[in-house]
Amino acid sequence: MAITSANRLELLQIADAVAREKLIDPDLVIQAMEESMAKAAKSRYGAELDIRAHIDRKTGDLTMTRVREVVEEVENLSTEMTVEEAKAHIENPEVGSLIIDELPPMDFGRIAAQSAKQVILQKVREAERDRQYEEFKDRQGEIINGLVKRVEYGNVIVDVGRGEAVLRRDQLINREMFRNGDRVRAYIKEVRSEMRGPQIFLSRTAPEFMAELFKMEVPEIYDGIIDIKAVARDPGSRAKIGVISYDNSIDPVGACVGMRGSRVQAVVNELQGEKIDIIPWNEDAPTFLVNALQPAEVAKVVLDEDAERIEVVVPDEQLSLAIGRRGQNVRLASQLTGLDIDIMTEADESERRQKEFEVRSKLFMDTMNVDEVVAQLLVSEGFATLEEVAYVEVDELLVIEGFDQDTADELQARARESLEEINAKALAAAKELGTEQSLIDFEGLSPQMLVALAQDGVKTIEDFATCADWELAGGYTTIDGERVKDDGLLESFDVGLAEAQELVMAARLQLGWVTEEQLAEDAAAAEADEDASDEEAEA
């Protein structure tokens, strides 16, 4: 494989041909050739030598050189030499100078030539992989068309033109089958650069796939007049999509459905007959949920924003329709709104409210020593706790039919007396459990809260200051895609996350763990982050 004058230009021609075929830079191919020839030369002269090859980009001339560095103290005789030794090669050598000796032309043997060929192929493959990754990494989130190349263990390998993509079987719509040569349209879900090359993962079950299909079919979505706010899918069966129009003259649902359903039908056909409910988006969560539960009718909605839960009351005959087959309708509505949904019938709600009424009435009868009529009147007017009766403005008691000033004063006196008795018992119980005076004197915790904390081992203000806000107020943790409830120590006392955080920070401030300045800085930083998030959302 000696490089003669007859085939010098062929090197450049080969490099250009390979570059065109693989759609990569010709210079990368030439660099691979240089590296392969340097490796072949090392196999002849010695692998420890620093041998470099250079191919002239115009003439194709090959130059082989040996490079050594001038150093103060030689550690490697093959690649280094002292200043004194370097004087025999160049004038006034300095540490760091390179001594370059040109090697004579050589005839590459069969093994060296084979090794050079492997290096070239490897470098070309790497360049091709880099090119594929650069091309597809920016296309993540797009829909791509391809041809099925083969099917391996249920995974579909798709030829996407300048590379291969994988459509895994869990990303296929149920009962969907592909054979070699079939055309397939899918969503580019992820592009990863790995040792074996760029990995392009496709999906036909992702909610984004449906959104992109609607963008292709509905010009108003493509133009930004209509926006898809949320998508929930049960792939191959049913889906719900929330849309909003920024032009009052355009109906978002009608635009997505199209003339005689032509637009939505095109999406349905692509998704193997998946039924699609198109729902008008509303910023008001309860209103949006009522729309999302269509075709079921909703009688009443109660939203708990802190717990991200929503309670829905439907007529008795609408329960099965609201839940849907195997819970599909309520599950999709929950995914669409991002809320946990509890559905009950009007009869169930009435029964629950009756039980709450009886429990609250009994509370007032037992603690305030009033008859059933008075207790029921208080509950009917919305009073639920002793604290509300004891510390409410007297005028709010006087509006109750049959209550005069003396009655209101007496009820408040009894409520306060009962509270003092209950608090005294709770405080004694907390002390018996080991609660220290530092926590008892801490402002913001009732005796009943002290008992709940002590039962969980929180007995000093230092213990309390180490608590996290969610440990006190409770919250939700997502495990394997499902939201799991975390009970808070003070959750039963209606302590929310914000209040819990304030209490914990007040304890840390009292102990000197933090300063007012640090709290102010943290609050300013949190506000800045919130403003930045709002700006991103608006953008």
Protein backbone atom coordinates (compact mmCIF):
# COMPACT_ATOMS: atom_id res chain seq x y z
CA MET A 1 0.00 0.00 0.00
CA ALA A 2 2.77 2.44 -0.90
CA ILE A 3 1.50 5.90 -1.75
CA THR A 4 2.78 6.61 -5.25
CA SER A 5 2.35 9.64 -7.48
CA ALA A 6 -0.26 7.70 -9.46
CA ASN A 7 -2.69 7.37 -6.59
CA ARG A 8 -2.07 10.50 -4.52
CA LEU A 9 -5.06 12.30 -5.96
CA GLU A 10 -7.13 9.15 -5.46
CA LEU A 11 -6.92 9.72 -1.71
CA LEU A 12 -8.69 13.03 -2.10
CA GLN A 13 -11.22 11.53 -4.51
CA ILE A 14 -11.95 8.65 -2.13
CA ALA A 15 -12.32 11.06 0.80
CA ASP A 16 -14.72 13.22 -1.21
CA ALA A 17 -16.79 10.22 -2.34
CA VAL A 18 -17.08 8.79 1.18
CA ALA A 19 -18.02 12.22 2.57
CA ARG A 20 -20.78 12.64 -0.02
CA GLU A 21 -22.14 9.15 0.62
CA LYS A 22 -22.17 9.55 4.41
CA LEU A 23 -23.11 13.25 4.33
CA ILE A 24 -20.13 14.30 6.46
CA ASP A 25 -17.29 16.80 6.10
CA PRO A 26 -14.57 15.57 3.63
CA ASP A 27 -11.91 16.91 5.98
CA LEU A 28 -13.09 14.45 8.64
CA VAL A 29 -12.44 11.58 6.24
CA ILE A 30 -8.94 12.89 5.44
CA GLN A 31 -8.22 13.26 9.18
CA ALA A 32 -9.27 9.64 9.61
CA MET A 33 -6.88 8.62 6.81
CA GLU A 34 -4.04 10.56 8.45
CA GLU A 35 -4.69 8.90 11.78
CA SER A 36 -4.88 5.44 10.22
CA MET A 37 -1.60 5.91 8.33
CA ALA A 38 0.12 7.20 11.46
CA LYS A 39 -1.09 4.09 13.28
CA ALA A 40 0.20 1.86 10.48
CA ALA A 41 3.59 3.60 10.63
CA LYS A 42 3.78 3.06 14.39
CA SER A 43 3.28 -0.66 13.87
CA ARG A 44 6.49 -0.62 11.83
CA TYR A 45 8.70 1.91 13.62
CA GLY A 46 7.40 1.40 17.16
CA ALA A 47 4.12 2.09 18.95
CA GLU A 48 5.89 4.24 21.55
CA LEU A 49 6.94 6.84 18.97
CA ASP A 50 4.96 10.02 18.25
CA ILE A 51 4.44 9.61 14.49
CA ARG A 52 2.13 11.91 12.61
CA ALA A 53 0.82 11.81 9.06
CA HIS A 54 -0.31 14.75 6.93
CA ILE A 55 -2.09 14.64 3.59
CA ASP A 56 -1.96 17.81 1.52
CA ARG A 57 -5.57 18.88 0.85
CA LYS A 58 -4.69 20.08 -2.68
CA THR A 59 -2.11 17.64 -4.04
CA GLY A 60 -2.77 14.54 -1.94
CA ASP A 61 0.95 14.28 -0.99
CA LEU A 62 1.51 12.21 2.14
CA THR A 63 4.13 13.35 4.68
CA MET A 64 5.14 11.16 7.62
CA THR A 65 7.01 12.80 10.53
CA ARG A 66 8.40 11.83 13.90
CA VAL A 67 7.87 14.42 16.63
CA ARG A 68 9.90 14.84 19.84
CA GLU A 69 9.60 17.53 22.50
CA VAL A 70 12.49 19.41 24.11
CA VAL A 71 12.37 19.02 27.92
CA GLU A 72 14.64 19.74 30.89
CA GLU A 73 14.69 16.14 32.07
CA VAL A 74 13.92 13.24 29.77
CA GLU A 75 11.42 10.70 31.01
CA ASN A 76 10.52 9.07 27.69
CA LEU A 77 13.40 8.59 25.22
CA SER A 78 11.00 7.91 22.36
CA THR A 79 9.15 11.25 22.50
CA GLU A 80 11.49 13.60 24.39
CA MET A 81 15.08 14.95 24.27
CA THR A 82 17.19 17.40 26.26
CA VAL A 83 18.19 20.88 25.16
CA GLU A 84 21.79 19.66 24.49
CA GLU A 85 20.57 16.83 22.26
CA ALA A 86 18.23 19.18 20.40
CA LYS A 87 21.16 21.44 19.39
CA ALA A 88 22.14 18.81 16.82
CA HIS A 89 18.78 19.37 15.08
CA ILE A 90 17.92 23.07 15.45
CA GLU A 91 19.62 26.28 16.53
CA ASN A 92 18.90 27.74 19.95
CA PRO A 93 16.44 25.09 21.13
CA GLU A 94 14.18 25.94 24.08
CA VAL A 95 12.17 23.82 26.46
CA GLY A 96 8.86 23.13 24.76
CA SER A 97 10.24 23.22 21.22
CA LEU A 98 9.29 20.39 18.88
CA ILE A 99 11.88 18.45 16.88
CA ILE A 100 10.25 17.21 13.68
CA ASP A 101 12.04 14.62 11.54
CA GLU A 102 10.55 13.56 8.23
CA LEU A 103 10.35 9.80 7.70
CA PRO A 104 11.16 8.14 4.34
CA PRO A 105 8.33 6.81 2.17
CA MET A 106 7.27 3.39 3.31
CA ASP A 107 5.41 0.44 1.90
CA PHE A 108 2.48 -0.47 4.09
CA GLY A 109 2.18 -4.21 4.59
CA ARG A 110 -1.06 -6.16 4.41
CA ILE A 111 -1.65 -6.11 8.18
CA ALA A 112 -0.82 -2.40 8.45
CA ALA A 113 -3.12 -1.64 5.54
CA GLN A 114 -5.92 -3.64 7.15
CA SER A 115 -5.41 -1.77 10.43
CA ALA A 116 -5.50 1.55 8.59
CA LYS A 117 -8.72 0.54 6.90
CA GLN A 118 -10.34 -0.29 10.27
CA VAL A 119 -9.34 3.09 11.70
CA ILE A 120 -10.80 4.91 8.69
CA LEU A 121 -14.08 2.97 8.93
CA GLN A 122 -14.29 3.62 12.67
CA LYS A 123 -13.67 7.36 12.28
CA VAL A 124 -16.19 7.62 9.46
CA ARG A 125 -18.79 5.80 11.56
CA GLU A 126 -18.16 8.17 14.47
CA ALA A 127 -18.48 11.19 12.20
CA GLU A 128 -21.69 9.78 10.76
CA ARG A 129 -23.12 9.24 14.26
CA ASP A 130 -22.21 12.79 15.28
CA ARG A 131 -23.89 14.10 12.15
CA GLN A 132 -27.04 12.07 12.85
CA TYR A 133 -27.20 13.26 16.46
CA GLU A 134 -26.73 16.91 15.45
CA GLU A 135 -29.46 16.52 12.85
CA PHE A 136 -32.08 14.85 15.07
CA LYS A 137 -31.42 16.41 18.49
CA ASP A 138 -33.13 19.63 17.38
CA ARG A 139 -36.07 17.69 15.93
CA GLN A 140 -37.14 16.26 19.26
CA GLY A 141 -40.83 17.05 19.69
CA GLU A 142 -41.61 16.80 15.97
CA ILE A 143 -43.60 14.25 13.98
CA ILE A 144 -41.54 12.20 11.55
CA ASN A 145 -42.47 9.83 8.72
CA GLY A 146 -40.51 6.66 8.08
CA LEU A 147 -40.54 3.13 6.69
CA VAL A 148 -40.58 0.03 8.86
CA LYS A 149 -37.21 -1.64 8.38
CA ARG A 150 -37.67 -4.62 10.69
CA VAL A 151 -39.47 -5.74 13.84
CA GLU A 152 -37.40 -7.07 16.76
CA TYR A 153 -39.13 -8.56 19.81
CA GLY A 154 -42.13 -6.30 19.29
CA ASN A 155 -39.99 -3.17 18.84
CA VAL A 156 -40.31 -1.52 15.44
CA ILE A 157 -37.09 -0.28 13.79
CA VAL A 158 -37.95 2.63 11.51
CA ASP A 159 -35.84 3.99 8.65
CA VAL A 160 -36.09 7.76 8.95
CA GLY A 161 -33.89 8.62 5.99
CA ARG A 162 -30.48 9.39 7.46
CA GLY A 163 -30.67 7.02 10.36
CA GLU A 164 -32.72 4.48 12.24
CA ALA A 165 -35.23 5.12 15.00
CA VAL A 166 -36.82 2.78 17.53
CA LEU A 167 -40.56 2.58 18.16
CA ARG A 168 -40.73 0.45 21.28
CA ARG A 169 -43.70 -1.83 21.78
CA ASP A 170 -44.88 0.10 24.86
CA GLN A 171 -45.07 3.19 22.63
CA LEU A 172 -47.35 1.45 20.11
CA ILE A 173 -51.12 1.82 20.17
CA ASN A 174 -52.90 -1.33 21.36
CA ARG A 175 -53.47 -3.98 18.69
CA GLU A 176 -51.29 -2.01 16.29
CA MET A 177 -49.19 -4.23 14.00
CA PHE A 178 -46.48 -3.19 11.53
CA ARG A 179 -44.69 -5.19 8.84
CA ASN A 180 -41.54 -4.52 6.86
CA GLY A 181 -42.06 -1.75 4.32
CA ASP A 182 -45.09 -0.19 6.07
CA ARG A 183 -45.15 3.58 6.30
CA VAL A 184 -45.35 4.89 9.86
CA ARG A 185 -45.83 8.32 11.39
CA ALA A 186 -44.61 8.91 14.94
CA TYR A 187 -43.51 11.52 17.46
CA ILE A 188 -39.78 11.99 18.20
CA LYS A 189 -39.91 11.57 21.97
CA GLU A 190 -36.21 11.47 22.81
CA VAL A 191 -32.81 11.63 21.12
CA ARG A 192 -29.83 10.36 23.11
CA SER A 193 -26.14 10.22 22.25
CA GLU A 194 -24.75 6.85 23.34
CA MET A 195 -21.56 4.84 22.79
CA ARG A 196 -23.21 2.82 20.03
CA GLY A 197 -24.40 5.98 18.31
CA PRO A 198 -27.41 8.30 18.47
CA GLN A 199 -30.56 6.59 19.72
CA ILE A 200 -33.80 8.05 18.36
CA PHE A 201 -36.89 6.95 20.29
CA LEU A 202 -40.33 7.38 18.75
CA SER A 203 -43.80 7.23 20.25
CA ARG A 204 -47.38 6.91 19.01
CA THR A 205 -48.91 6.89 22.50
CA ALA A 206 -47.51 10.19 23.83
CA PRO A 207 -50.09 12.95 24.42
CA GLU A 208 -47.78 15.29 22.48
CA PHE A 209 -48.27 13.11 19.37
CA MET A 210 -51.97 13.91 19.35
CA ALA A 211 -51.26 17.62 19.93
CA GLU A 212 -48.85 17.71 16.98
CA LEU A 213 -51.37 15.89 14.76
CA PHE A 214 -53.98 18.54 15.55
CA LYS A 215 -51.41 21.23 14.80
CA MET A 216 -50.94 19.69 11.34
CA GLU A 217 -54.68 19.40 10.68
CA VAL A 218 -55.90 22.70 12.21
CA PRO A 219 -54.33 25.86 10.69
CA GLU A 220 -55.56 27.98 13.61
CA ILE A 221 -53.44 25.92 16.03
CA TYR A 222 -50.41 26.19 13.76
CA ASP A 223 -50.88 29.98 13.57
CA GLY A 224 -51.23 30.27 17.36
CA ILE A 225 -54.83 31.52 17.30
CA ILE A 226 -55.92 28.36 19.11
CA ASP A 227 -53.76 26.77 21.80
CA ILE A 228 -53.81 23.21 23.10
CA LYS A 229 -53.61 23.57 26.88
CA ALA A 230 -53.81 19.93 27.96
CA VAL A 231 -54.07 16.42 26.51
CA ALA A 232 -54.96 13.15 28.24
CA ARG A 233 -54.95 9.84 26.40
CA ASP A 234 -55.89 6.22 26.84
CA PRO A 235 -54.04 5.25 23.60
CA GLY A 236 -56.21 3.53 21.02
CA SER A 237 -59.37 3.91 23.10
CA ARG A 238 -60.25 7.45 24.13
CA ALA A 239 -58.68 10.87 24.65
CA LYS A 240 -59.58 14.34 25.94
CA ILE A 241 -57.99 17.55 24.70
CA GLY A 242 -58.44 21.02 26.20
CA VAL A 243 -58.29 23.95 23.75
CA ILE A 244 -58.60 27.72 24.04
CA SER A 245 -59.05 30.43 21.39
CA TYR A 246 -57.33 33.81 21.61
CA ASP A 247 -59.75 35.21 19.02
CA ASN A 248 -63.32 35.67 20.28
CA SER A 249 -64.68 35.21 16.78
CA ILE A 250 -63.28 31.67 16.50
CA ASP A 251 -64.81 28.71 18.33
CA PRO A 252 -61.88 26.47 19.38
CA VAL A 253 -63.95 23.29 19.53
CA GLY A 254 -65.59 23.89 16.16
CA ALA A 255 -62.26 24.71 14.52
CA CYS A 256 -60.72 21.47 15.79
CA VAL A 257 -63.72 19.41 14.70
CA GLY A 258 -63.76 20.94 11.22
CA MET A 259 -66.42 20.84 8.52
CA ARG A 260 -68.49 17.70 9.10
CA GLY A 261 -65.78 16.50 11.45
CA SER A 262 -63.12 16.30 8.75
CA ARG A 263 -60.23 17.62 10.87
CA VAL A 264 -60.80 15.53 13.96
CA GLN A 265 -61.56 12.48 11.82
CA ALA A 266 -58.14 12.71 10.18
CA VAL A 267 -56.55 12.53 13.64
CA VAL A 268 -58.87 9.69 14.69
CA ASN A 269 -57.91 7.66 11.61
CA GLU A 270 -54.20 8.12 12.34
CA LEU A 271 -54.76 6.94 15.94
CA GLN A 272 -56.59 3.73 15.00
CA GLY A 273 -60.08 5.01 15.79
CA GLU A 274 -59.29 6.61 19.16
CA LYS A 275 -62.35 8.59 20.30
CA ILE A 276 -61.47 12.22 21.04
CA ASP A 277 -63.40 14.63 23.29
CA ILE A 278 -62.53 18.25 22.46
CA ILE A 279 -63.15 20.43 25.51
CA PRO A 280 -63.06 24.24 25.86
CA TRP A 281 -60.33 25.26 28.32
CA ASN A 282 -61.18 27.46 31.29
CA GLU A 283 -58.81 29.03 33.83
CA ASP A 284 -61.37 28.28 36.54
CA ALA A 285 -60.54 24.70 37.58
CA PRO A 286 -64.08 23.67 38.64
CA THR A 287 -65.57 25.00 35.40
CA PHE A 288 -62.93 23.21 33.32
CA LEU A 289 -63.56 19.99 35.24
CA VAL A 290 -67.29 20.18 34.57
CA ASN A 291 -66.44 20.43 30.87
CA ALA A 292 -63.86 17.63 31.12
CA LEU A 293 -66.37 15.18 32.63
CA GLN A 294 -68.65 15.44 29.61
CA PRO A 295 -70.92 13.80 28.60
CA ALA A 296 -71.85 13.41 32.30
CA GLU A 297 -73.78 16.22 34.01
CA VAL A 298 -72.34 17.69 37.21
CA ALA A 299 -74.54 19.04 40.00
CA LYS A 300 -71.89 20.45 42.34
CA VAL A 301 -68.11 20.94 42.55
CA VAL A 302 -66.00 21.57 45.68
CA LEU A 303 -62.29 22.40 45.12
CA ASP A 304 -59.54 21.90 47.71
CA GLU A 305 -56.62 23.82 46.18
CA ASP A 306 -54.13 22.95 48.93
CA ALA A 307 -54.63 19.20 48.49
CA GLU A 308 -55.09 19.53 44.70
CA ARG A 309 -58.28 17.50 45.04
CA ILE A 310 -61.76 18.19 43.76
CA GLU A 311 -65.05 16.75 44.89
CA VAL A 312 -67.73 16.27 42.26
CA VAL A 313 -71.39 15.58 42.97
CA VAL A 314 -73.47 14.10 40.15
CA PRO A 315 -77.11 12.96 39.93
CA ASP A 316 -77.56 9.31 40.90
CA GLU A 317 -78.35 8.23 37.34
CA GLN A 318 -75.22 10.01 36.00
CA LEU A 319 -72.67 8.22 38.24
CA SER A 320 -71.75 5.40 35.84
CA LEU A 321 -71.50 7.85 32.94
CA ALA A 322 -69.24 10.19 34.92
CA ILE A 323 -66.94 7.36 35.98
CA GLY A 324 -66.92 5.75 32.55
CA ARG A 325 -66.03 2.22 31.53
CA ARG A 326 -63.38 0.92 33.93
CA GLY A 327 -63.04 4.45 35.32
CA GLN A 328 -61.82 5.79 31.99
CA ASN A 329 -63.81 9.04 31.90
CA VAL A 330 -62.87 10.23 35.39
CA ARG A 331 -59.26 9.07 34.94
CA LEU A 332 -58.82 11.10 31.76
CA ALA A 333 -60.53 14.12 33.34
CA SER A 334 -58.13 13.84 36.28
CA GLN A 335 -55.10 13.71 33.95
CA LEU A 336 -56.43 16.66 31.96
CA THR A 337 -57.00 18.91 34.98
CA GLY A 338 -54.10 17.67 37.12
CA LEU A 339 -56.46 17.18 40.08
CA ASP A 340 -57.48 14.11 42.07
CA ILE A 341 -61.22 13.69 41.61
CA ASP A 342 -63.69 12.20 44.09
CA ILE A 343 -67.07 11.46 42.53
CA MET A 344 -70.19 10.89 44.61
CA THR A 345 -73.91 10.91 43.98
CA GLU A 346 -76.32 13.47 45.39
CA ALA A 347 -77.65 10.79 47.74
CA ASP A 348 -74.16 10.03 49.05
CA GLU A 349 -73.46 13.72 49.59
CA SER A 350 -76.75 14.22 51.37
CA GLU A 351 -75.98 11.30 53.69
CA ARG A 352 -72.51 12.63 54.42
CA ARG A 353 -73.78 16.13 55.13
CA GLN A 354 -76.41 14.66 57.47
CA LYS A 355 -73.71 12.79 59.41
CA GLU A 356 -71.59 15.96 59.65
CA PHE A 357 -74.67 17.85 60.88
CA GLU A 358 -75.30 15.25 63.59
CA VAL A 359 -71.64 15.18 64.70
CA ARG A 360 -71.42 18.97 65.00
CA SER A 361 -74.75 19.20 66.77
CA LYS A 362 -73.63 16.59 69.31
CA LEU A 363 -70.36 18.52 69.82
CA PHE A 364 -72.24 21.67 70.86
CA MET A 365 -74.71 19.70 72.99
CA ASP A 366 -71.96 17.89 74.89
CA THR A 367 -69.48 20.75 75.37
CA MET A 368 -71.83 23.73 75.84
CA ASN A 369 -74.69 21.91 77.60
CA VAL A 370 -77.35 23.23 75.20
CA ASP A 371 -80.43 21.45 73.91
CA GLU A 372 -80.69 19.89 70.46
CA VAL A 373 -82.64 22.79 68.92
CA VAL A 374 -80.00 25.38 69.84
CA ALA A 375 -77.18 23.11 68.65
CA GLN A 376 -78.90 22.51 65.32
CA LEU A 377 -79.52 26.23 64.85
CA LEU A 378 -75.79 26.91 65.34
CA VAL A 379 -74.81 24.20 62.84
CA SER A 380 -77.41 25.41 60.33
CA GLU A 381 -75.84 28.87 60.43
CA GLY A 382 -72.43 27.42 59.57
CA PHE A 383 -70.80 27.14 63.00
CA ALA A 384 -68.55 24.05 63.13
CA THR A 385 -66.21 24.51 66.12
CA LEU A 386 -66.24 25.87 69.64
CA GLU A 387 -63.68 28.50 68.66
CA GLU A 388 -66.07 29.93 66.08
CA VAL A 389 -68.83 30.31 68.65
CA ALA A 390 -66.53 31.63 71.39
CA TYR A 391 -64.73 34.33 69.45
CA VAL A 392 -67.11 35.33 66.64
CA GLU A 393 -68.62 38.83 66.62
CA VAL A 394 -71.79 38.82 68.72
CA ASP A 395 -73.75 40.29 65.80
CA GLU A 396 -73.29 37.01 63.90
CA LEU A 397 -75.06 35.14 66.70
CA LEU A 398 -77.81 37.73 66.98
CA VAL A 399 -78.89 37.19 63.36
CA ILE A 400 -80.00 33.65 64.31
CA GLU A 401 -83.75 33.59 64.76
CA GLY A 402 -84.70 33.45 68.45
CA PHE A 403 -81.28 34.54 69.77
CA ASP A 404 -81.14 37.74 71.82
CA GLN A 405 -78.18 39.50 73.48
CA ASP A 406 -78.39 37.46 76.69
CA THR A 407 -78.53 34.19 74.74
CA ALA A 408 -75.54 35.14 72.60
CA ASP A 409 -73.48 36.20 75.63
CA GLU A 410 -74.35 33.00 77.48
CA LEU A 411 -73.42 30.80 74.49
CA GLN A 412 -70.06 32.55 74.09
CA ALA A 413 -69.34 32.27 77.82
CA ARG A 414 -70.12 28.53 77.79
CA ALA A 415 -68.00 28.01 74.66
CA ARG A 416 -65.02 29.82 76.19
CA GLU A 417 -65.36 27.95 79.47
CA SER A 418 -65.47 24.64 77.62
CA LEU A 419 -62.45 25.60 75.54
CA GLU A 420 -60.47 26.54 78.65
CA GLU A 421 -61.30 23.17 80.20
CA ILE A 422 -60.36 21.27 77.03
CA ASN A 423 -57.12 23.27 76.65
CA ALA A 424 -56.17 22.67 80.27
CA LYS A 425 -56.60 18.90 79.86
CA ALA A 426 -54.64 18.95 76.59
CA LEU A 427 -51.82 20.99 78.15
CA ALA A 428 -51.60 18.56 81.07
CA ALA A 429 -51.46 15.66 78.60
CA ALA A 430 -48.68 17.36 76.60
CA LYS A 431 -46.62 17.91 79.76
CA GLU A 432 -47.16 14.31 80.77
CA LEU A 433 -45.82 13.24 77.35
CA GLY A 434 -42.66 15.27 78.00
CA THR A 435 -43.28 18.52 76.12
CA GLU A 436 -40.80 21.12 77.38
CA GLN A 437 -41.77 24.65 78.43
CA SER A 438 -39.84 26.18 75.50
CA LEU A 439 -42.32 24.63 73.07
CA ILE A 440 -45.33 25.34 75.28
CA ASP A 441 -44.40 29.05 75.35
CA PHE A 442 -43.90 29.16 71.57
CA GLU A 443 -46.63 31.31 70.01
CA GLY A 444 -48.89 29.71 67.41
CA LEU A 445 -49.33 26.20 68.83
CA SER A 446 -52.49 25.22 70.69
CA PRO A 447 -52.43 22.65 73.53
CA GLN A 448 -54.04 20.10 71.22
CA MET A 449 -51.27 20.69 68.66
CA LEU A 450 -48.66 20.20 71.42
CA VAL A 451 -50.18 16.79 72.21
CA ALA A 452 -50.12 15.74 68.53
CA LEU A 453 -46.49 16.84 68.22
CA ALA A 454 -45.41 15.14 71.45
CA GLN A 455 -47.01 11.87 70.37
CA ASP A 456 -44.67 11.96 67.36
CA GLY A 457 -41.58 12.81 69.43
CA VAL A 458 -41.54 16.58 68.87
CA LYS A 459 -41.18 17.85 72.44
CA THR A 460 -38.79 20.83 72.29
CA ILE A 461 -38.60 23.97 70.21
CA GLU A 462 -35.38 22.56 68.69
CA ASP A 463 -37.31 19.45 67.58
CA PHE A 464 -40.01 21.66 66.08
CA ALA A 465 -37.48 23.87 64.24
CA THR A 466 -36.07 20.81 62.43
CA CYS A 467 -39.48 19.85 61.01
CA ALA A 468 -40.24 20.39 57.33
CA ASP A 469 -43.41 22.26 56.38
CA TRP A 470 -44.89 19.17 54.66
CA GLU A 471 -44.28 17.09 57.81
CA LEU A 472 -46.60 19.44 59.68
CA ALA A 473 -49.17 20.28 56.99
CA GLY A 474 -49.08 17.04 54.99
CA GLY A 475 -48.91 16.74 51.22
CA TYR A 476 -48.66 14.36 48.32
CA THR A 477 -45.77 12.33 46.93
CA THR A 478 -45.76 10.88 43.41
CA ILE A 479 -44.71 7.21 43.43
CA ASP A 480 -44.71 5.26 40.14
CA GLY A 481 -46.94 7.89 38.57
CA GLU A 482 -49.51 7.82 41.40
CA ARG A 483 -49.99 10.56 44.01
CA VAL A 484 -49.71 9.14 47.54
CA LYS A 485 -51.01 11.06 50.57
CA ASP A 486 -48.53 12.07 53.29
CA ASP A 487 -50.33 12.80 56.58
CA GLY A 488 -49.13 15.91 58.44
CA LEU A 489 -48.74 16.15 62.22
CA LEU A 490 -50.91 19.27 62.33
CA GLU A 491 -53.04 18.60 59.26
CA SER A 492 -56.13 17.81 61.35
CA PHE A 493 -55.91 21.35 62.77
CA ASP A 494 -56.25 22.87 59.27
CA VAL A 495 -52.61 24.02 59.20
CA GLY A 496 -51.63 24.65 55.56
CA LEU A 497 -48.16 24.59 54.01
CA ALA A 498 -47.75 28.39 54.17
CA GLU A 499 -48.73 28.54 57.86
CA ALA A 500 -46.49 25.54 58.66
CA GLN A 501 -43.55 27.22 56.97
CA GLU A 502 -44.13 30.44 58.92
CA LEU A 503 -44.23 28.55 62.23
CA VAL A 504 -41.04 26.61 61.50
CA MET A 505 -39.16 29.73 60.38
CA ALA A 506 -40.36 31.60 63.49
CA ALA A 507 -38.93 28.81 65.66
CA ARG A 508 -35.60 28.91 63.81
CA LEU A 509 -35.53 32.69 64.14
CA GLN A 510 -36.20 32.46 67.89
CA LEU A 511 -33.34 29.93 68.25
CA GLY A 512 -30.98 32.13 66.22
CA TRP A 513 -30.54 29.58 63.45
CA VAL A 514 -31.49 32.22 60.89
CA THR A 515 -31.64 36.02 60.88
CA GLU A 516 -34.27 38.49 59.71
CA GLU A 517 -31.92 39.53 56.89
CA GLN A 518 -31.60 35.93 55.64
CA LEU A 519 -35.36 35.48 55.70
CA ALA A 520 -35.80 38.71 53.73
CA GLU A 521 -33.21 37.59 51.16
CA ASP A 522 -34.84 34.15 50.80
CA ALA A 523 -38.26 35.77 50.35
CA ALA A 524 -36.88 38.15 47.69
CA ALA A 525 -35.18 35.26 45.86
CA ALA A 526 -38.38 33.19 45.96
CA GLU A 527 -40.39 36.13 44.59
CA ALA A 528 -37.83 36.63 41.80
CA ASP A 529 -38.03 32.94 40.87
CA GLU A 530 -41.82 33.12 40.83
CA ASP A 531 -41.74 36.21 38.57
CA ALA A 532 -39.29 34.45 36.23
CA SER A 533 -41.54 31.38 36.09
CA ASP A 534 -44.55 33.58 35.29
CA GLU A 535 -42.62 35.29 32.48
CA GLU A 536 -41.60 31.91 31.02
CA ALA A 537 -45.20 30.71 31.20
CA GLU A 538 -46.42 33.85 29.43
CA ALA A 539 -43.72 33.46 26.77
